Amino acid sequence: MLDNLTWQAVLDILLVGLVFFGASFFFRGTQAVALLRGILIVLITLFILSSLLNLLALSWLLQNLVVVLSLALPIIFQPELRQALQHLGRAGLFMNRQAPESKRQRVIDEVCRAAEKLSERRHGALIVMQRQVDLQEYIRTGIALDSEVSAQLLLTIFWPKTELHDGAAIIDQDGRLASAASVLPLSASRNLPDPKLGTRHRAALGISEVSDAVCIVVSEETGKISITNAGRIIPRLDNTRLRTVLVAFYGEARASDNPLTKLVGRSQQVIAALRERRTQV
């Protein structure tokens, strides 16, 4: 059997494995996972019944189900497939465009200063820091600014009596404040860490589900600072922990944006999140 294993066959197996591996990143954390699990459970159950009870009609149906699934699955998983293709088209496979590291560090300094003041004053805020995935469709929903990021400007934007405070401020890929009062998609997840999360937090989770952006949220009610990324939220951050997480997610060179090293980046994110949670406990 091993004599028939050519380099073409090995390449074929590796490519198929890579396709499933890449698909797992797009579907992970979405409702498609539960739906796919349910479909597999039903198919396995029907296959076992047809084999044990020798059900000819059911066996014929399962054998011809491949054609039906090839038409049904793209319709069932249309939102997830659309999101995957959008990520591929916006970010590309090997693009790594980003602001210089010194500028990203300055942006982090200004955002941390602003978040600390906003938290003390209990002024609600929503700040999105773009990474690789393009956010132009959300930038266009707000008021265009195209200015340098500064704590004073962020404090002015989120002052409750200004016209721009209700919405998100988005920092683009070049490290500039692209817009204010932008509208973000609300999270569609039913498994929120806290059912009492308000619209601002749901919007922060929503943008992190459809992009790789880092989003800082300041609660208007409690003044607590949270960060969302990859559909997850890290709550109750002080200024020191906020800076640590931002440096890990946004400030350092992002090798994780390359698909070949994305697993390493995911591991680093999980470790950072676990450290934050351990500190809170």
Protein backbone atom coordinates (compact mmCIF):
# COMPACT_ATOMS: atom_id res chain seq x y z
CA MET A 1 0.00 0.00 0.00
CA LEU A 2 2.85 2.37 0.84
CA ASP A 3 4.37 1.66 -2.59
CA ASN A 4 1.44 3.52 -4.15
CA LEU A 5 1.98 6.57 -1.93
CA THR A 6 3.54 9.07 -4.35
CA TRP A 7 4.53 12.66 -3.67
CA GLN A 8 1.40 13.76 -5.54
CA ALA A 9 -0.74 11.73 -3.14
CA VAL A 10 1.05 13.23 -0.12
CA LEU A 11 0.55 16.74 -1.54
CA ASP A 12 -3.10 15.97 -2.19
CA ILE A 13 -3.63 14.83 1.41
CA LEU A 14 -1.83 17.87 2.81
CA LEU A 15 -3.90 20.27 0.70
CA VAL A 16 -7.17 18.64 1.77
CA GLY A 17 -6.05 18.80 5.41
CA LEU A 18 -5.12 22.46 4.97
CA VAL A 19 -8.57 23.24 3.56
CA PHE A 20 -10.31 21.68 6.58
CA PHE A 21 -7.82 23.32 8.94
CA GLY A 22 -8.47 26.75 7.43
CA ALA A 23 -12.23 26.21 7.44
CA SER A 24 -12.14 25.44 11.15
CA PHE A 25 -10.85 28.97 11.87
CA PHE A 26 -13.71 30.58 9.94
CA PHE A 27 -16.47 28.46 11.50
CA ARG A 28 -15.08 28.36 15.04
CA GLY A 29 -17.22 30.29 17.53
CA THR A 30 -20.17 30.64 15.11
CA GLN A 31 -23.61 29.06 15.10
CA ALA A 32 -22.48 27.01 12.08
CA VAL A 33 -20.50 24.72 14.39
CA ALA A 34 -23.62 23.57 16.26
CA LEU A 35 -25.53 23.20 12.99
CA LEU A 36 -22.75 21.14 11.40
CA ARG A 37 -22.51 18.97 14.52
CA GLY A 38 -26.26 18.32 14.36
CA ILE A 39 -26.07 17.33 10.68
CA LEU A 40 -23.23 14.89 11.39
CA ILE A 41 -25.13 13.33 14.31
CA VAL A 42 -28.22 12.78 12.15
CA LEU A 43 -26.19 11.29 9.26
CA ILE A 44 -24.23 8.95 11.53
CA THR A 45 -27.43 7.81 13.26
CA LEU A 46 -29.16 7.10 9.94
CA PHE A 47 -26.10 5.25 8.62
CA ILE A 48 -25.97 3.00 11.70
CA LEU A 49 -29.71 2.26 11.47
CA SER A 50 -29.52 1.42 7.77
CA SER A 51 -26.56 -0.91 8.35
CA LEU A 52 -27.98 -2.73 11.37
CA LEU A 53 -31.57 -3.10 10.09
CA ASN A 54 -30.70 -3.50 6.40
CA LEU A 55 -33.00 -0.65 5.34
CA LEU A 56 -32.61 -0.55 1.56
CA ALA A 57 -34.50 2.69 0.89
CA LEU A 58 -32.62 4.54 3.62
CA SER A 59 -29.30 3.17 2.33
CA TRP A 60 -30.12 4.38 -1.18
CA LEU A 61 -31.03 7.81 0.19
CA LEU A 62 -27.75 8.12 2.11
CA GLN A 63 -25.73 7.06 -0.94
CA ASN A 64 -27.32 9.78 -3.06
CA LEU A 65 -27.25 12.40 -0.33
CA VAL A 66 -23.91 13.78 -1.53
CA VAL A 67 -25.57 15.53 -4.46
CA VAL A 68 -28.22 17.03 -2.20
CA LEU A 69 -25.67 18.22 0.36
CA SER A 70 -23.50 19.80 -2.33
CA LEU A 71 -26.45 22.06 -3.13
CA ALA A 72 -27.78 22.53 0.41
CA LEU A 73 -24.58 23.22 2.36
CA PRO A 74 -23.62 26.43 0.47
CA ILE A 75 -27.13 27.73 1.18
CA ILE A 76 -27.12 26.69 4.85
CA PHE A 77 -23.66 28.11 5.54
CA GLN A 78 -23.99 31.14 3.26
CA PRO A 79 -23.19 33.76 5.98
CA GLU A 80 -20.03 31.95 7.09
CA LEU A 81 -18.83 31.32 3.53
CA ARG A 82 -19.49 34.96 2.63
CA GLN A 83 -17.51 36.12 5.66
CA ALA A 84 -14.60 33.80 4.77
CA LEU A 85 -14.46 35.07 1.19
CA GLN A 86 -14.63 38.68 2.40
CA HIS A 87 -11.67 38.09 4.73
CA LEU A 88 -9.73 36.50 1.90
CA GLY A 89 -10.51 39.33 -0.52
CA ARG A 90 -9.84 42.14 1.95
CA ALA A 91 -6.70 40.89 3.66
CA GLY A 92 -5.27 38.54 1.07
CA LEU A 93 -3.21 35.49 1.95
CA PHE A 94 0.18 37.01 2.62
CA MET A 95 -0.42 40.76 2.92
CA ASN A 96 0.99 42.28 6.09
CA ARG A 97 0.41 45.99 5.67
CA GLN A 98 0.46 47.88 8.94
CA ALA A 99 1.61 51.10 10.51
CA PRO A 100 5.22 51.22 11.80
CA GLU A 101 5.68 49.71 15.24
CA SER A 102 6.69 53.07 16.73
CA LYS A 103 3.43 54.60 15.52
CA ARG A 104 1.38 51.70 16.85
CA GLN A 105 3.04 52.16 20.24
CA ARG A 106 2.14 55.86 20.19
CA VAL A 107 -1.46 54.96 19.31
CA ILE A 108 -1.55 52.54 22.25
CA ASP A 109 -0.24 55.27 24.59
CA GLU A 110 -2.91 57.73 23.47
CA VAL A 111 -5.73 55.16 23.63
CA CYS A 112 -4.69 54.04 27.13
CA ARG A 113 -4.57 57.64 28.37
CA ALA A 114 -7.99 58.32 26.92
CA ALA A 115 -9.49 55.07 28.28
CA GLU A 116 -8.20 55.83 31.78
CA LYS A 117 -9.79 59.30 31.78
CA LEU A 118 -13.03 58.01 30.25
CA SER A 119 -13.20 55.29 32.90
CA GLU A 120 -12.71 57.81 35.71
CA ARG A 121 -15.44 60.06 34.30
CA ARG A 122 -17.71 57.11 33.42
CA HIS A 123 -18.09 58.28 29.84
CA GLY A 124 -19.04 55.42 27.55
CA ALA A 125 -16.65 54.79 24.67
CA LEU A 126 -16.11 52.39 21.79
CA ILE A 127 -12.70 52.47 20.06
CA VAL A 128 -11.89 50.08 17.20
CA MET A 129 -8.28 49.46 16.17
CA GLN A 130 -8.10 48.01 12.67
CA ARG A 131 -5.59 45.28 11.90
CA GLN A 132 -5.55 43.37 8.59
CA VAL A 133 -9.24 43.13 7.68
CA ASP A 134 -10.49 46.27 5.95
CA LEU A 135 -13.15 48.23 7.88
CA GLN A 136 -14.06 50.78 5.21
CA GLU A 137 -17.71 49.71 5.10
CA TYR A 138 -18.01 50.61 8.79
CA ILE A 139 -15.85 53.74 8.53
CA ARG A 140 -18.21 55.06 5.86
CA THR A 141 -21.16 54.86 8.26
CA GLY A 142 -19.61 57.50 10.53
CA ILE A 143 -18.16 60.99 10.27
CA ALA A 144 -14.83 61.05 8.43
CA LEU A 145 -11.94 62.53 10.45
CA ASP A 146 -8.59 61.30 9.07
CA SER A 147 -6.61 62.76 11.94
CA GLU A 148 -3.77 61.78 14.24
CA VAL A 149 -4.82 59.74 17.26
CA SER A 150 -4.67 61.72 20.50
CA ALA A 151 -6.17 61.26 23.94
CA GLN A 152 -7.62 64.78 23.86
CA LEU A 153 -9.45 64.11 20.61
CA LEU A 154 -10.86 60.81 21.88
CA LEU A 155 -12.01 62.47 25.10
CA THR A 156 -13.75 65.17 23.07
CA ILE A 157 -15.45 62.64 20.79
CA PHE A 158 -16.88 60.64 23.69
CA TRP A 159 -17.96 63.62 25.78
CA PRO A 160 -21.66 62.82 26.37
CA LYS A 161 -22.90 66.18 25.06
CA THR A 162 -21.15 65.99 21.67
CA GLU A 163 -22.82 64.81 18.49
CA LEU A 164 -20.18 62.10 17.90
CA HIS A 165 -20.22 60.27 21.23
CA ASP A 166 -22.89 57.73 20.21
CA GLY A 167 -21.02 55.27 18.01
CA ALA A 168 -17.53 53.93 17.45
CA ALA A 169 -14.26 55.72 16.74
CA ILE A 170 -12.25 53.66 14.25
CA ILE A 171 -8.46 53.78 13.96
CA ASP A 172 -7.46 52.61 10.50
CA GLN A 173 -4.59 50.45 9.29
CA ASP A 174 -2.26 53.44 9.05
CA GLY A 175 -2.74 54.32 12.71
CA ARG A 176 -4.93 57.35 12.04
CA LEU A 177 -8.34 58.15 13.49
CA ALA A 178 -10.48 57.51 10.41
CA SER A 179 -14.00 58.15 11.70
CA ALA A 180 -16.26 58.75 14.67
CA ALA A 181 -19.91 57.85 15.33
CA SER A 182 -19.53 54.77 13.14
CA VAL A 183 -22.16 52.04 13.27
CA LEU A 184 -20.94 48.52 14.10
CA PRO A 185 -22.72 45.18 13.68
CA LEU A 186 -24.20 43.74 16.86
CA SER A 187 -23.06 40.31 17.99
CA ALA A 188 -25.27 37.46 16.81
CA SER A 189 -23.92 35.07 19.44
CA ARG A 190 -26.38 33.62 21.93
CA ASN A 191 -23.61 32.58 24.31
CA LEU A 192 -22.61 35.97 25.66
CA PRO A 193 -20.41 35.97 28.78
CA ASP A 194 -22.92 38.27 30.49
CA PRO A 195 -26.56 38.43 29.32
CA LYS A 196 -26.76 41.95 30.77
CA LEU A 197 -24.20 43.35 28.30
CA GLY A 198 -25.46 46.52 26.67
CA THR A 199 -25.50 47.61 23.04
CA ARG A 200 -21.99 49.06 23.22
CA HIS A 201 -20.48 45.75 24.33
CA ARG A 202 -22.55 43.78 21.83
CA ALA A 203 -21.27 46.05 19.06
CA ALA A 204 -17.69 45.51 20.25
CA LEU A 205 -18.18 41.75 20.13
CA GLY A 206 -19.91 42.06 16.76
CA ILE A 207 -16.99 43.83 15.04
CA SER A 208 -14.58 41.30 16.53
CA GLU A 209 -16.66 38.46 15.07
CA VAL A 210 -16.58 39.81 11.50
CA SER A 211 -12.97 41.10 11.54
CA ASP A 212 -9.65 40.76 13.32
CA ALA A 213 -9.95 44.23 14.86
CA VAL A 214 -9.19 44.99 18.51
CA CYS A 215 -11.98 46.92 20.23
CA ILE A 216 -11.82 48.83 23.52
CA VAL A 217 -15.06 49.40 25.42
CA VAL A 218 -15.62 51.71 28.37
CA SER A 219 -18.85 51.10 30.24
CA GLU A 220 -20.98 54.18 30.80
CA GLU A 221 -22.62 52.64 33.88
CA THR A 222 -19.60 51.21 35.73
CA GLY A 223 -16.60 52.85 34.04
CA LYS A 224 -15.00 49.42 33.56
CA ILE A 225 -12.73 48.84 30.56
CA SER A 226 -12.99 45.75 28.38
CA ILE A 227 -11.33 44.50 25.18
CA THR A 228 -12.87 42.31 22.48
CA ASN A 229 -10.98 40.31 19.88
CA ALA A 230 -11.83 37.22 17.82
CA GLY A 231 -15.35 37.09 19.26
CA ARG A 232 -14.12 37.05 22.88
CA ILE A 233 -14.19 39.67 25.59
CA ILE A 234 -11.58 40.38 28.29
CA PRO A 235 -13.39 42.37 31.01
CA ARG A 236 -12.42 44.55 33.95
CA LEU A 237 -9.06 45.88 32.81
CA ASP A 238 -7.10 48.58 34.58
CA ASN A 239 -4.68 50.81 32.68
CA THR A 240 -1.68 48.48 33.14
CA ARG A 241 -3.51 45.37 31.97
CA LEU A 242 -5.11 47.32 29.13
CA ARG A 243 -1.69 48.33 27.85
CA THR A 244 -0.38 44.76 28.17
CA VAL A 245 -3.24 43.31 26.13
CA LEU A 246 -3.06 46.05 23.48
CA VAL A 247 0.67 45.51 23.03
CA ALA A 248 0.06 41.77 22.60
CA PHE A 249 -2.85 42.16 20.17
CA TYR A 250 -1.98 45.37 18.30
CA GLY A 251 1.45 46.77 19.16
CA GLU A 252 3.79 43.91 18.26
CA ALA A 253 4.67 42.68 14.77
CA ARG A 254 1.72 40.55 13.77
CA ALA A 255 3.13 37.37 12.29
CA SER A 256 -0.22 35.83 13.12
CA ASP A 257 -1.74 37.65 10.13
CA ASN A 258 0.11 35.23 7.88
CA PRO A 259 -1.98 32.04 7.59
CA LEU A 260 1.13 29.88 7.86
CA THR A 261 1.72 31.15 11.42
CA LYS A 262 -1.83 31.93 12.44
CA LEU A 263 -1.93 29.04 14.91
CA VAL A 264 0.97 30.60 16.84
CA GLY A 265 -0.86 33.92 17.00
CA ARG A 266 -4.04 32.28 18.27
CA SER A 267 -2.02 30.54 20.98
CA GLN A 268 -0.50 33.85 22.06
CA GLN A 269 -3.96 35.43 22.26
CA VAL A 270 -5.29 32.59 24.39
CA ILE A 271 -2.28 32.80 26.74
CA ALA A 272 -2.72 36.57 27.12
CA ALA A 273 -6.43 36.17 27.84
CA LEU A 274 -5.79 33.43 30.41
CA ARG A 275 -3.20 35.59 32.14
CA GLU A 276 -5.68 38.45 32.38
CA ARG A 277 -8.37 36.21 33.80
CA ARG A 278 -5.95 34.69 36.31
CA THR A 279 -4.96 38.18 37.46
CA GLN A 280 -8.62 39.15 37.91
CA VAL A 281 -9.31 36.05 40.00
